[in-house]
Every structure is written in C-alpha cells, then in structure tokens.
Amino acid sequence: MAMSRDTLLGYLTDAFPEAEITLTDLAGDDNHWQAEIVSPQFAGLPRVKQHQMVYSALKGAMGGELHALALKTKAPSS
C-alpha cells in the first residue's frame, strides 16, 4: 500500500503548520517521496533531531504505508 500526496502532506502540515513543504514523488508510485520542509520549529536543532520530528509526525507509517522518504529540513533564514 502506498501513501498518497494528500495523506503525506496532511501528516506534515498537522505537525508543522507554519512550514513551507514541497513534496516530490521520486518514482511516480506514491511510495518513494522526497520532502523539503522549512519550519521555524527546526530553529537551533541539529538535522538528526529535525528528521526525528518528521518521522514522529508520520505516526508509524514509515516503513509500512510509506516505503521511502528522503528529507531536506531546515529553519527559515532570518
């Protein structure tokens, strides 16, 4: 089972409501995504912590409904 763009965007928007989120379907199969997330919630946090926050927002779907997710995360520039 794959994860639709709308479902993935919903998880991410719920967790990061002020973020700029860009999703790219890397394989055209709703199963291999890239997410670019620019969120003030990431300010001052190391990239590993930022990625952990994203995985947490997916509520266990990573590795099941969502097979692969490439992440690019950062805080907005001042």
Protein backbone atom coordinates (compact mmCIF):
# COMPACT_ATOMS: atom_id res chain seq x y z
CA MET A 1 0.00 0.00 0.00
CA ALA A 2 1.36 3.39 -0.96
CA MET A 3 0.82 6.79 0.65
CA SER A 4 -0.87 9.49 -1.40
CA ARG A 5 0.50 13.02 -1.63
CA ASP A 6 -2.57 14.32 0.23
CA THR A 7 -2.09 11.89 3.12
CA LEU A 8 1.62 12.65 3.45
CA LEU A 9 1.03 16.38 3.20
CA GLY A 10 -1.70 16.10 5.83
CA TYR A 11 0.65 14.44 8.34
CA LEU A 12 3.34 17.02 7.72
CA THR A 13 1.01 20.03 7.77
CA ASP A 14 -0.56 18.88 11.03
CA ALA A 15 2.87 18.63 12.67
CA PHE A 16 4.41 21.70 11.02
CA PRO A 17 1.56 24.15 10.36
CA GLU A 18 3.83 27.14 9.65
CA ALA A 19 6.19 25.23 7.37
CA GLU A 20 6.84 25.53 3.67
CA ILE A 21 6.54 21.93 2.44
CA THR A 22 7.48 20.67 -1.01
CA LEU A 23 6.79 17.03 -1.89
CA THR A 24 8.29 15.19 -4.85
CA ASP A 25 7.21 11.70 -5.89
CA LEU A 26 10.62 10.31 -6.85
CA ALA A 27 9.42 7.14 -8.60
CA GLY A 28 5.87 8.01 -9.64
CA ASP A 29 4.48 5.30 -7.37
CA ASP A 30 3.34 7.19 -4.23
CA ASN A 31 5.88 5.08 -2.36
CA HIS A 32 9.19 6.93 -2.72
CA TRP A 33 8.93 10.56 -1.64
CA GLN A 34 11.21 13.49 -1.06
CA ALA A 35 10.04 16.15 1.38
CA GLU A 36 11.63 19.56 1.68
CA ILE A 37 10.43 21.22 4.88
CA VAL A 38 11.35 24.72 6.02
CA SER A 39 9.93 25.23 9.51
CA PRO A 40 10.57 27.62 12.37
CA GLN A 41 10.22 24.57 14.64
CA PHE A 42 13.64 23.42 13.38
CA ALA A 43 15.47 26.56 14.56
CA GLY A 44 18.53 25.70 16.62
CA LEU A 45 18.06 21.94 16.25
CA PRO A 46 20.55 19.56 14.67
CA ARG A 47 19.46 17.87 11.46
CA VAL A 48 19.09 14.48 13.19
CA LYS A 49 16.56 15.96 15.63
CA GLN A 50 14.73 17.67 12.75
CA HIS A 51 14.41 14.35 10.93
CA GLN A 52 13.26 12.58 14.09
CA MET A 53 10.50 15.18 14.39
CA VAL A 54 9.37 14.44 10.83
CA TYR A 55 9.38 10.66 11.38
CA SER A 56 7.37 11.16 14.57
CA ALA A 57 4.81 13.21 12.62
CA LEU A 58 4.24 10.20 10.32
CA LYS A 59 2.73 8.23 13.22
CA GLY A 60 4.30 4.89 12.39
CA ALA A 61 3.61 4.96 8.64
CA MET A 62 7.33 5.00 7.75
CA GLY A 63 8.42 1.55 6.62
CA GLY A 64 4.84 0.40 6.14
CA GLU A 65 2.45 2.56 4.15
CA LEU A 66 5.39 4.83 3.28
CA HIS A 67 8.38 2.90 1.95
CA ALA A 68 10.98 5.65 1.43
CA LEU A 69 11.25 9.31 2.37
CA ALA A 70 14.23 11.49 1.51
CA LEU A 71 14.31 14.54 3.77
CA LYS A 72 15.66 18.04 3.40
CA THR A 73 14.88 20.06 6.50
CA LYS A 74 15.92 23.48 7.76
CA ALA A 75 14.76 26.53 9.65
CA PRO A 76 13.84 29.65 7.69
CA SER A 77 16.62 32.16 7.07
CA SER A 78 16.39 35.29 9.17
